Amino acid sequence: MLSFEEKKAIFQSFKLKKKEISNGRVSFIYPESKQRGQVLATQVQPSGNGYVVGKYMSEETIQKNGYLVDSRGWISIRDFSKVEMKNVIREAAMSMSGVEIELDPELDLKAELEPELELKTEPETKSAMVKDIPEKVEKKTAPDETIEASSASEKIGFNCLNNWLELTKAVTELNYLVWRGFFNRLSR
């Protein structure tokens, strides 16, 4: 399985526009798309998950390459090798524009050299990563943020219920006044 950085480097070697989304996830846009959507890859995340658009591919292409397209029309790239990644990006771009996408040789060379550089500096990186992991976990699981979100939703729910009850009470009082006046006039 490729790392998050390796996957990003492969996508960037095809000159796709990178779009940051929440929680460190990344999408890649293919501007030359002739289809309605321009998102070629979505939710590529540090855990290795990610999806490439497959809804525009022909059935023949899907079966030939053995892609599993989900009900939304996306292909999961979690366990793809480097060759499979490049192939699925080419096929997706071809299905979106009808033109074969070209790989930038300079960026592709960088993508191939980056894993080698990471291997040389691996001992230093591991010690730094061990120190950073607990901090990241603490930031993500801060209890204050969860409490604020739940109390905010409870406040909204309470405000809606309170407003509804006040409106019902006002309508009931108005009806009482109208009917009381009506019966008073009848009795005179």
N, C-alpha and C. Protein backbone atom coordinates (compact mmCIF):
# COMPACT_ATOMS: atom_id res chain seq x y z
N MET A 1 0.85 -1.18 0.00
CA MET A 1 0.00 0.00 0.00
C MET A 1 0.89 1.24 0.00
N LEU A 2 0.54 2.21 -0.83
CA LEU A 2 1.31 3.45 -0.92
C LEU A 2 0.98 4.37 0.24
N SER A 3 1.94 5.20 0.61
CA SER A 3 1.70 6.18 1.67
C SER A 3 0.91 7.35 1.10
N PHE A 4 0.42 8.18 2.00
CA PHE A 4 -0.35 9.37 1.61
C PHE A 4 0.50 10.29 0.74
N GLU A 5 1.75 10.51 1.12
CA GLU A 5 2.63 11.39 0.36
C GLU A 5 2.91 10.83 -1.03
N GLU A 6 3.09 9.52 -1.13
CA GLU A 6 3.33 8.90 -2.43
C GLU A 6 2.10 9.04 -3.33
N LYS A 7 0.92 8.86 -2.77
CA LYS A 7 -0.30 9.02 -3.57
C LYS A 7 -0.46 10.45 -4.04
N LYS A 8 -0.20 11.42 -3.16
CA LYS A 8 -0.29 12.82 -3.55
C LYS A 8 0.70 13.14 -4.66
N ALA A 9 1.92 12.60 -4.55
CA ALA A 9 2.94 12.85 -5.57
C ALA A 9 2.53 12.27 -6.92
N ILE A 10 1.90 11.11 -6.92
CA ILE A 10 1.44 10.51 -8.17
C ILE A 10 0.35 11.37 -8.81
N PHE A 11 -0.61 11.82 -8.01
CA PHE A 11 -1.67 12.69 -8.56
C PHE A 11 -1.08 13.99 -9.09
N GLN A 12 -0.14 14.57 -8.36
CA GLN A 12 0.45 15.84 -8.79
C GLN A 12 1.32 15.67 -10.02
N SER A 13 1.84 14.47 -10.28
CA SER A 13 2.64 14.24 -11.47
C SER A 13 1.79 14.29 -12.74
N PHE A 14 0.47 14.23 -12.60
CA PHE A 14 -0.43 14.35 -13.75
C PHE A 14 -0.94 15.78 -13.93
N LYS A 15 -0.37 16.73 -13.20
CA LYS A 15 -0.74 18.15 -13.28
C LYS A 15 -2.21 18.37 -12.92
N LEU A 16 -2.69 17.67 -11.92
CA LEU A 16 -4.05 17.88 -11.44
C LEU A 16 -4.02 18.95 -10.36
N LYS A 17 -5.11 19.71 -10.24
CA LYS A 17 -5.18 20.75 -9.22
C LYS A 17 -5.54 20.12 -7.88
N LYS A 18 -4.76 20.46 -6.87
CA LYS A 18 -4.97 19.93 -5.53
C LYS A 18 -5.91 20.85 -4.77
N LYS A 19 -6.90 20.26 -4.09
CA LYS A 19 -7.84 21.05 -3.30
C LYS A 19 -7.90 20.44 -1.90
N GLU A 20 -7.48 21.23 -0.91
CA GLU A 20 -7.50 20.78 0.48
C GLU A 20 -8.94 20.77 0.99
N ILE A 21 -9.32 19.68 1.67
CA ILE A 21 -10.62 19.63 2.33
C ILE A 21 -10.37 19.31 3.80
N SER A 22 -11.38 19.14 4.57
CA SER A 22 -11.26 19.02 6.02
C SER A 22 -10.47 17.79 6.47
N ASN A 23 -9.93 17.87 7.67
CA ASN A 23 -9.23 16.77 8.34
C ASN A 23 -8.03 16.23 7.55
N GLY A 24 -7.33 17.09 6.84
CA GLY A 24 -6.14 16.67 6.11
C GLY A 24 -6.41 15.94 4.82
N ARG A 25 -7.68 15.83 4.44
CA ARG A 25 -8.01 15.14 3.20
C ARG A 25 -7.78 16.06 2.01
N VAL A 26 -7.59 15.44 0.84
CA VAL A 26 -7.28 16.19 -0.37
C VAL A 26 -8.14 15.65 -1.51
N SER A 27 -8.58 16.56 -2.37
CA SER A 27 -9.24 16.18 -3.62
C SER A 27 -8.37 16.69 -4.77
N PHE A 28 -8.51 16.05 -5.93
CA PHE A 28 -7.77 16.47 -7.10
C PHE A 28 -8.75 16.76 -8.23
N ILE A 29 -8.60 17.94 -8.82
CA ILE A 29 -9.51 18.44 -9.85
C ILE A 29 -8.85 18.28 -11.22
N TYR A 30 -9.65 17.84 -12.20
CA TYR A 30 -9.18 17.71 -13.58
C TYR A 30 -9.91 18.77 -14.41
N PRO A 31 -9.29 19.93 -14.64
CA PRO A 31 -9.98 21.05 -15.30
C PRO A 31 -10.40 20.79 -16.74
N GLU A 32 -9.74 19.87 -17.43
CA GLU A 32 -10.08 19.60 -18.84
C GLU A 32 -11.27 18.66 -18.99
N SER A 33 -11.93 18.34 -17.91
CA SER A 33 -13.06 17.42 -17.95
C SER A 33 -14.20 17.99 -18.79
N LYS A 34 -14.78 17.14 -19.62
CA LYS A 34 -15.94 17.54 -20.42
C LYS A 34 -17.23 17.06 -19.78
N GLN A 35 -17.10 16.36 -18.67
CA GLN A 35 -18.26 15.88 -17.93
C GLN A 35 -18.73 16.98 -16.99
N ARG A 36 -19.85 16.75 -16.36
CA ARG A 36 -20.41 17.75 -15.45
C ARG A 36 -19.47 17.99 -14.26
N GLY A 37 -18.92 16.92 -13.72
CA GLY A 37 -18.02 17.04 -12.58
C GLY A 37 -16.57 17.10 -13.01
N GLN A 38 -15.75 17.83 -12.25
CA GLN A 38 -14.34 17.93 -12.56
C GLN A 38 -13.46 17.24 -11.51
N VAL A 39 -14.06 16.69 -10.47
CA VAL A 39 -13.29 16.04 -9.41
C VAL A 39 -12.87 14.65 -9.90
N LEU A 40 -11.56 14.46 -10.05
CA LEU A 40 -11.05 13.17 -10.50
C LEU A 40 -10.82 12.24 -9.31
N ALA A 41 -10.35 12.80 -8.20
CA ALA A 41 -10.12 12.01 -6.99
C ALA A 41 -10.62 12.80 -5.79
N THR A 42 -11.20 12.08 -4.84
CA THR A 42 -11.74 12.75 -3.65
C THR A 42 -11.38 11.97 -2.40
N GLN A 43 -11.36 12.68 -1.30
CA GLN A 43 -11.15 12.11 0.03
C GLN A 43 -9.87 11.28 0.12
N VAL A 44 -8.82 11.72 -0.56
CA VAL A 44 -7.52 11.08 -0.40
C VAL A 44 -7.01 11.55 0.96
N GLN A 45 -6.81 10.62 1.87
CA GLN A 45 -6.51 10.99 3.25
C GLN A 45 -5.28 10.28 3.78
N PRO A 46 -4.71 10.80 4.87
CA PRO A 46 -3.47 10.22 5.42
C PRO A 46 -3.58 8.74 5.78
N SER A 47 -4.76 8.24 6.04
CA SER A 47 -4.92 6.82 6.39
C SER A 47 -4.74 5.90 5.19
N GLY A 48 -4.70 6.48 3.98
CA GLY A 48 -4.53 5.67 2.79
C GLY A 48 -5.79 5.54 1.96
N ASN A 49 -6.93 5.88 2.55
CA ASN A 49 -8.18 5.81 1.81
C ASN A 49 -8.22 6.90 0.75
N GLY A 50 -9.05 6.70 -0.24
CA GLY A 50 -9.25 7.67 -1.29
C GLY A 50 -10.08 7.06 -2.40
N TYR A 51 -10.65 7.92 -3.24
CA TYR A 51 -11.52 7.44 -4.31
C TYR A 51 -11.20 8.17 -5.60
N VAL A 52 -11.24 7.43 -6.71
CA VAL A 52 -11.11 7.99 -8.05
C VAL A 52 -12.43 7.76 -8.76
N VAL A 53 -12.85 8.75 -9.55
CA VAL A 53 -14.14 8.67 -10.21
C VAL A 53 -14.14 7.52 -11.23
N GLY A 54 -15.19 6.72 -11.18
CA GLY A 54 -15.31 5.60 -12.09
C GLY A 54 -16.63 5.59 -12.83
N LYS A 55 -17.49 6.56 -12.51
CA LYS A 55 -18.84 6.54 -13.11
C LYS A 55 -18.85 6.90 -14.58
N TYR A 56 -17.77 7.51 -15.09
CA TYR A 56 -17.73 7.85 -16.51
C TYR A 56 -17.01 6.79 -17.34
N MET A 57 -16.42 5.80 -16.68
CA MET A 57 -15.69 4.74 -17.39
C MET A 57 -16.67 3.75 -18.02
N SER A 58 -16.26 3.19 -19.14
CA SER A 58 -17.10 2.18 -19.79
C SER A 58 -17.02 0.88 -19.00
N GLU A 59 -18.04 0.06 -19.15
CA GLU A 59 -18.07 -1.25 -18.48
C GLU A 59 -16.88 -2.11 -18.91
N GLU A 60 -16.52 -1.98 -20.18
CA GLU A 60 -15.39 -2.75 -20.71
C GLU A 60 -14.09 -2.40 -19.97
N THR A 61 -13.86 -1.11 -19.76
CA THR A 61 -12.66 -0.66 -19.05
C THR A 61 -12.67 -1.14 -17.61
N ILE A 62 -13.81 -1.04 -16.97
CA ILE A 62 -13.94 -1.46 -15.56
C ILE A 62 -13.65 -2.95 -15.42
N GLN A 63 -14.23 -3.75 -16.31
CA GLN A 63 -14.03 -5.20 -16.23
C GLN A 63 -12.61 -5.60 -16.62
N LYS A 64 -12.05 -4.93 -17.63
CA LYS A 64 -10.70 -5.25 -18.10
C LYS A 64 -9.67 -5.03 -16.98
N ASN A 65 -9.84 -3.95 -16.23
CA ASN A 65 -8.88 -3.62 -15.16
C ASN A 65 -9.28 -4.18 -13.80
N GLY A 66 -10.48 -4.72 -13.69
CA GLY A 66 -10.93 -5.31 -12.43
C GLY A 66 -11.25 -4.30 -11.34
N TYR A 67 -11.70 -3.11 -11.73
CA TYR A 67 -12.04 -2.09 -10.74
C TYR A 67 -13.37 -2.42 -10.08
N LEU A 68 -13.47 -2.09 -8.81
CA LEU A 68 -14.73 -2.24 -8.07
C LEU A 68 -15.33 -0.85 -7.89
N VAL A 69 -16.39 -0.56 -8.62
CA VAL A 69 -17.04 0.75 -8.56
C VAL A 69 -18.21 0.65 -7.59
N ASP A 70 -18.24 1.55 -6.60
CA ASP A 70 -19.33 1.51 -5.62
C ASP A 70 -20.60 2.15 -6.18
N SER A 71 -21.65 2.19 -5.39
CA SER A 71 -22.95 2.68 -5.85
C SER A 71 -22.92 4.16 -6.21
N ARG A 72 -21.95 4.91 -5.68
CA ARG A 72 -21.84 6.33 -5.99
C ARG A 72 -21.02 6.59 -7.24
N GLY A 73 -20.37 5.55 -7.76
CA GLY A 73 -19.56 5.70 -8.96
C GLY A 73 -18.09 5.97 -8.69
N TRP A 74 -17.60 5.60 -7.52
CA TRP A 74 -16.21 5.84 -7.15
C TRP A 74 -15.45 4.52 -6.98
N ILE A 75 -14.15 4.56 -7.26
CA ILE A 75 -13.27 3.40 -7.13
C ILE A 75 -12.34 3.66 -5.94
N SER A 76 -12.32 2.75 -4.98
CA SER A 76 -11.45 2.89 -3.82
C SER A 76 -10.01 2.58 -4.22
N ILE A 77 -9.08 3.46 -3.84
CA ILE A 77 -7.67 3.29 -4.21
C ILE A 77 -6.81 2.95 -3.00
N ARG A 78 -7.40 2.46 -1.97
CA ARG A 78 -6.68 2.19 -0.72
C ARG A 78 -5.49 1.25 -0.91
N ASP A 79 -5.68 0.15 -1.62
CA ASP A 79 -4.64 -0.87 -1.75
C ASP A 79 -3.99 -0.90 -3.13
N PHE A 80 -4.04 0.19 -3.86
CA PHE A 80 -3.48 0.22 -5.21
C PHE A 80 -1.96 0.39 -5.15
N SER A 81 -1.28 -0.26 -6.11
CA SER A 81 0.17 -0.07 -6.27
C SER A 81 0.40 1.19 -7.10
N LYS A 82 1.67 1.55 -7.28
CA LYS A 82 2.00 2.75 -8.04
C LYS A 82 1.54 2.62 -9.50
N VAL A 83 1.74 1.46 -10.09
CA VAL A 83 1.33 1.24 -11.48
C VAL A 83 -0.19 1.28 -11.61
N GLU A 84 -0.89 0.65 -10.67
CA GLU A 84 -2.35 0.66 -10.69
C GLU A 84 -2.90 2.08 -10.50
N MET A 85 -2.24 2.86 -9.63
CA MET A 85 -2.67 4.25 -9.42
C MET A 85 -2.56 5.05 -10.71
N LYS A 86 -1.42 4.95 -11.36
CA LYS A 86 -1.21 5.69 -12.61
C LYS A 86 -2.22 5.26 -13.67
N ASN A 87 -2.49 3.97 -13.74
CA ASN A 87 -3.43 3.44 -14.72
C ASN A 87 -4.85 3.95 -14.45
N VAL A 88 -5.30 3.91 -13.19
CA VAL A 88 -6.66 4.33 -12.89
C VAL A 88 -6.82 5.84 -13.11
N ILE A 89 -5.78 6.62 -12.85
CA ILE A 89 -5.85 8.06 -13.10
C ILE A 89 -5.96 8.32 -14.59
N ARG A 90 -5.16 7.59 -15.40
CA ARG A 90 -5.24 7.75 -16.86
C ARG A 90 -6.63 7.38 -17.38
N GLU A 91 -7.15 6.25 -16.90
CA GLU A 91 -8.47 5.79 -17.36
C GLU A 91 -9.57 6.77 -16.94
N ALA A 92 -9.50 7.28 -15.72
CA ALA A 92 -10.52 8.22 -15.24
C ALA A 92 -10.47 9.52 -16.04
N ALA A 93 -9.27 10.02 -16.30
CA ALA A 93 -9.12 11.25 -17.08
C ALA A 93 -9.60 11.04 -18.51
N MET A 94 -9.29 9.89 -19.07
CA MET A 94 -9.74 9.57 -20.43
C MET A 94 -11.26 9.52 -20.49
N SER A 95 -11.88 8.95 -19.46
CA SER A 95 -13.35 8.86 -19.46
C SER A 95 -14.00 10.22 -19.23
N MET A 96 -13.29 11.14 -18.58
CA MET A 96 -13.85 12.46 -18.30
C MET A 96 -13.68 13.43 -19.45
N SER A 97 -12.61 13.28 -20.24
CA SER A 97 -12.34 14.27 -21.29
C SER A 97 -12.26 13.69 -22.69
N GLY A 98 -12.04 12.39 -22.81
CA GLY A 98 -11.87 11.79 -24.12
C GLY A 98 -10.45 11.94 -24.64
N VAL A 99 -9.60 12.62 -23.89
CA VAL A 99 -8.20 12.83 -24.27
C VAL A 99 -7.32 12.17 -23.22
N GLU A 100 -6.27 11.51 -23.67
CA GLU A 100 -5.38 10.85 -22.72
C GLU A 100 -4.55 11.90 -21.98
N ILE A 101 -4.52 11.78 -20.67
CA ILE A 101 -3.77 12.72 -19.84
C ILE A 101 -2.30 12.36 -19.89
N GLU A 102 -1.45 13.40 -19.91
CA GLU A 102 -0.01 13.15 -19.98
C GLU A 102 0.62 13.27 -18.60
N LEU A 103 1.58 12.42 -18.37
CA LEU A 103 2.33 12.41 -17.12
C LEU A 103 3.51 13.37 -17.27
N ASP A 104 3.68 14.28 -16.32
CA ASP A 104 4.81 15.21 -16.34
C ASP A 104 6.06 14.45 -15.91
N PRO A 105 7.06 14.29 -16.80
CA PRO A 105 8.23 13.47 -16.47
C PRO A 105 9.01 13.99 -15.26
N GLU A 106 9.12 15.32 -15.11
CA GLU A 106 9.86 15.87 -13.97
C GLU A 106 9.17 15.55 -12.65
N LEU A 107 7.85 15.74 -12.62
CA LEU A 107 7.10 15.47 -11.40
C LEU A 107 7.06 13.97 -11.10
N ASP A 108 7.02 13.16 -12.16
CA ASP A 108 7.02 11.71 -11.96
C ASP A 108 8.36 11.25 -11.38
N LEU A 109 9.45 11.86 -11.84
CA LEU A 109 10.77 11.52 -11.32
C LEU A 109 10.86 11.89 -9.83
N LYS A 110 10.29 13.04 -9.46
CA LYS A 110 10.27 13.45 -8.05
C LYS A 110 9.49 12.44 -7.22
N ALA A 111 8.36 11.98 -7.77
CA ALA A 111 7.53 11.01 -7.04
C ALA A 111 8.29 9.70 -6.82
N GLU A 112 9.14 9.33 -7.77
CA GLU A 112 9.91 8.10 -7.62
C GLU A 112 11.08 8.28 -6.67
N LEU A 113 11.66 9.48 -6.61
CA LEU A 113 12.81 9.72 -5.75
C LEU A 113 12.43 9.97 -4.30
N GLU A 114 11.25 10.49 -4.04
CA GLU A 114 10.84 10.82 -2.67
C GLU A 114 10.87 9.62 -1.73
N PRO A 115 10.38 8.43 -2.10
CA PRO A 115 10.47 7.30 -1.18
C PRO A 115 11.92 6.95 -0.82
N GLU A 116 12.86 7.10 -1.78
CA GLU A 116 14.26 6.81 -1.49
C GLU A 116 14.81 7.80 -0.47
N LEU A 117 14.43 9.07 -0.59
CA LEU A 117 14.88 10.07 0.37
C LEU A 117 14.31 9.80 1.74
N GLU A 118 13.09 9.36 1.81
CA GLU A 118 12.46 9.05 3.08
C GLU A 118 13.14 7.87 3.76
N LEU A 119 13.62 6.89 2.97
CA LEU A 119 14.30 5.74 3.55
C LEU A 119 15.63 6.14 4.18
N LYS A 120 16.34 7.10 3.59
CA LYS A 120 17.62 7.52 4.13
C LYS A 120 17.45 8.25 5.46
N THR A 121 16.39 8.99 5.62
CA THR A 121 16.17 9.77 6.85
C THR A 121 15.18 9.10 7.78
N GLU A 122 14.92 7.84 7.58
CA GLU A 122 13.90 7.13 8.36
C GLU A 122 14.15 7.14 9.86
N PRO A 123 15.37 6.88 10.39
CA PRO A 123 15.55 6.86 11.85
C PRO A 123 15.21 8.20 12.50
N GLU A 124 15.59 9.31 11.90
CA GLU A 124 15.27 10.62 12.46
C GLU A 124 13.77 10.87 12.43
N THR A 125 13.14 10.51 11.33
CA THR A 125 11.71 10.74 11.17
C THR A 125 10.91 9.94 12.18
N LYS A 126 11.33 8.70 12.43
CA LYS A 126 10.58 7.87 13.37
C LYS A 126 10.57 8.48 14.76
N SER A 127 11.72 8.97 15.24
CA SER A 127 11.75 9.54 16.58
C SER A 127 10.90 10.80 16.65
N ALA A 128 10.90 11.59 15.58
CA ALA A 128 10.07 12.79 15.57
C ALA A 128 8.60 12.43 15.51
N MET A 129 8.28 11.38 14.76
CA MET A 129 6.89 10.99 14.63
C MET A 129 6.34 10.45 15.94
N VAL A 130 7.14 9.74 16.70
CA VAL A 130 6.67 9.18 17.97
C VAL A 130 6.31 10.31 18.92
N LYS A 131 7.06 11.39 18.90
CA LYS A 131 6.77 12.53 19.77
C LYS A 131 5.52 13.28 19.33
N ASP A 132 5.28 13.37 18.01
CA ASP A 132 4.15 14.13 17.50
C ASP A 132 2.82 13.42 17.63
N ILE A 133 2.80 12.12 17.61
CA ILE A 133 1.55 11.37 17.59
C ILE A 133 0.68 11.66 18.81
N PRO A 134 1.18 11.62 20.05
CA PRO A 134 0.30 11.89 21.19
C PRO A 134 -0.31 13.29 21.15
N GLU A 135 0.44 14.28 20.67
CA GLU A 135 -0.10 15.63 20.59
C GLU A 135 -1.27 15.69 19.63
N LYS A 136 -1.13 15.05 18.49
CA LYS A 136 -2.20 15.06 17.50
C LYS A 136 -3.45 14.38 18.04
N VAL A 137 -3.27 13.28 18.74
CA VAL A 137 -4.42 12.56 19.29
C VAL A 137 -5.13 13.42 20.31
N GLU A 138 -4.36 14.11 21.16
CA GLU A 138 -4.97 14.96 22.17
C GLU A 138 -5.77 16.09 21.54
N LYS A 139 -5.26 16.67 20.47
CA LYS A 139 -5.96 17.77 19.82
C LYS A 139 -7.26 17.30 19.19
N LYS A 140 -7.26 16.12 18.61
CA LYS A 140 -8.45 15.63 17.92
C LYS A 140 -9.54 15.19 18.89
N THR A 141 -9.15 14.73 20.06
CA THR A 141 -10.14 14.20 20.99
C THR A 141 -10.36 15.14 22.18
N ALA A 142 -10.26 16.43 21.95
CA ALA A 142 -10.48 17.39 23.04
C ALA A 142 -11.94 17.33 23.46
N PRO A 143 -12.21 17.07 24.74
CA PRO A 143 -13.60 16.92 25.19
C PRO A 143 -14.39 18.22 25.13
N ASP A 144 -13.72 19.37 25.23
CA ASP A 144 -14.44 20.65 25.21
C ASP A 144 -15.17 20.85 23.89
N GLU A 145 -14.52 20.49 22.77
CA GLU A 145 -15.13 20.67 21.47
C GLU A 145 -16.39 19.83 21.33
N THR A 146 -16.36 18.61 21.83
CA THR A 146 -17.52 17.73 21.74
C THR A 146 -18.66 18.26 22.58
N ILE A 147 -18.36 18.74 23.76
CA ILE A 147 -19.40 19.27 24.64
C ILE A 147 -20.03 20.51 24.03
N GLU A 148 -19.22 21.39 23.46
CA GLU A 148 -19.77 22.59 22.85
C GLU A 148 -20.70 22.24 21.70
N ALA A 149 -20.30 21.29 20.87
CA ALA A 149 -21.13 20.92 19.73
C ALA A 149 -22.45 20.33 20.19
N SER A 150 -22.43 19.45 21.21
CA SER A 150 -23.67 18.83 21.66
C SER A 150 -24.54 19.85 22.37
N SER A 151 -23.94 20.75 23.15
CA SER A 151 -24.75 21.75 23.84
C SER A 151 -25.35 22.73 22.85
N ALA A 152 -24.62 23.03 21.77
CA ALA A 152 -25.16 23.93 20.76
C ALA A 152 -26.37 23.31 20.09
N SER A 153 -26.29 22.02 19.78
CA SER A 153 -27.44 21.37 19.15
C SER A 153 -28.60 21.25 20.12
N GLU A 154 -28.30 21.05 21.40
CA GLU A 154 -29.37 21.00 22.39
C GLU A 154 -30.03 22.37 22.54
N LYS A 155 -29.23 23.43 22.47
CA LYS A 155 -29.79 24.78 22.56
C LYS A 155 -30.71 25.06 21.38
N ILE A 156 -30.30 24.66 20.21
CA ILE A 156 -31.12 24.87 19.02
C ILE A 156 -32.43 24.11 19.16
N GLY A 157 -32.33 22.86 19.58
CA GLY A 157 -33.54 22.05 19.77
C GLY A 157 -34.44 22.66 20.83
N PHE A 158 -33.87 23.11 21.92
CA PHE A 158 -34.65 23.73 22.99
C PHE A 158 -35.29 25.02 22.50
N ASN A 159 -34.55 25.84 21.76
CA ASN A 159 -35.10 27.10 21.25
C ASN A 159 -36.26 26.84 20.30
N CYS A 160 -36.14 25.87 19.43
CA CYS A 160 -37.22 25.54 18.51
C CYS A 160 -38.46 25.07 19.27
N LEU A 161 -38.26 24.19 20.23
CA LEU A 161 -39.38 23.70 21.02
C LEU A 161 -40.02 24.82 21.82
N ASN A 162 -39.19 25.66 22.41
CA ASN A 162 -39.70 26.78 23.20
C ASN A 162 -40.51 27.74 22.32
N ASN A 163 -39.99 28.07 21.14
CA ASN A 163 -40.71 28.96 20.23
C ASN A 163 -42.04 28.34 19.80
N TRP A 164 -42.05 27.05 19.54
CA TRP A 164 -43.28 26.37 19.14
C TRP A 164 -44.32 26.42 20.26
N LEU A 165 -43.89 26.18 21.47
CA LEU A 165 -44.82 26.22 22.61
C LEU A 165 -45.36 27.63 22.84
N GLU A 166 -44.52 28.64 22.70
CA GLU A 166 -44.97 30.03 22.87
C GLU A 166 -45.98 30.40 21.79
N LEU A 167 -45.75 29.97 20.57
CA LEU A 167 -46.69 30.25 19.48
C LEU A 167 -48.03 29.56 19.74
N THR A 168 -47.98 28.31 20.16
CA THR A 168 -49.21 27.57 20.47
C THR A 168 -49.98 28.25 21.60
N LYS A 169 -49.28 28.68 22.62
CA LYS A 169 -49.90 29.37 23.75
C LYS A 169 -50.56 30.68 23.30
N ALA A 170 -49.88 31.44 22.44
CA ALA A 170 -50.42 32.71 21.96
C ALA A 170 -51.68 32.49 21.12
N VAL A 171 -51.66 31.49 20.26
CA VAL A 171 -52.84 31.19 19.43
C VAL A 171 -54.01 30.75 20.30
N THR A 172 -53.74 29.94 21.32
CA THR A 172 -54.80 29.48 22.23
C THR A 172 -55.41 30.65 22.98
N GLU A 173 -54.59 31.56 23.48
CA GLU A 173 -55.10 32.73 24.20
C GLU A 173 -55.92 33.63 23.28
N LEU A 174 -55.46 33.80 22.05
CA LEU A 174 -56.20 34.62 21.09
C LEU A 174 -57.56 33.99 20.80
N ASN A 175 -57.59 32.68 20.60
CA ASN A 175 -58.87 32.00 20.36
C ASN A 175 -59.81 32.16 21.55
N TYR A 176 -59.28 32.08 22.75
CA TYR A 176 -60.10 32.25 23.95
C TYR A 176 -60.73 33.64 23.97
N LEU A 177 -59.91 34.67 23.67
CA LEU A 177 -60.43 36.04 23.69
C LEU A 177 -61.49 36.24 22.60
N VAL A 178 -61.26 35.71 21.43
CA VAL A 178 -62.21 35.87 20.32
C VAL A 178 -63.52 35.18 20.66
N TRP A 179 -63.47 33.93 21.12
CA TRP A 179 -64.70 33.20 21.42
C TRP A 179 -65.43 33.78 22.63
N ARG A 180 -64.70 34.27 23.63
CA ARG A 180 -65.33 34.88 24.79
C ARG A 180 -66.10 36.13 24.37
N GLY A 181 -65.48 36.94 23.50
CA GLY A 181 -66.18 38.14 23.00
C GLY A 181 -67.40 37.76 22.18
N PHE A 182 -67.30 36.70 21.41
CA PHE A 182 -68.43 36.26 20.59
C PHE A 182 -69.60 35.82 21.46
N PHE A 183 -69.33 35.02 22.50
CA PHE A 183 -70.40 34.55 23.37
C PHE A 183 -70.96 35.68 24.24
N ASN A 184 -70.15 36.64 24.61
CA ASN A 184 -70.65 37.80 25.37
C ASN A 184 -71.63 38.60 24.53
N ARG A 185 -71.32 38.77 23.25
CA ARG A 185 -72.24 39.51 22.37
C ARG A 185 -73.53 38.73 22.15
N LEU A 186 -73.45 37.43 22.08
CA LEU A 186 -74.64 36.61 21.89
C LEU A 186 -75.57 36.67 23.11
N SER A 187 -75.00 36.70 24.29
CA SER A 187 -75.81 36.69 25.50
C SER A 187 -76.48 38.03 25.74
N ARG A 188 -76.08 39.11 25.19
CA ARG A 188 -76.70 40.41 25.39
C ARG A 188 -77.93 40.55 24.63
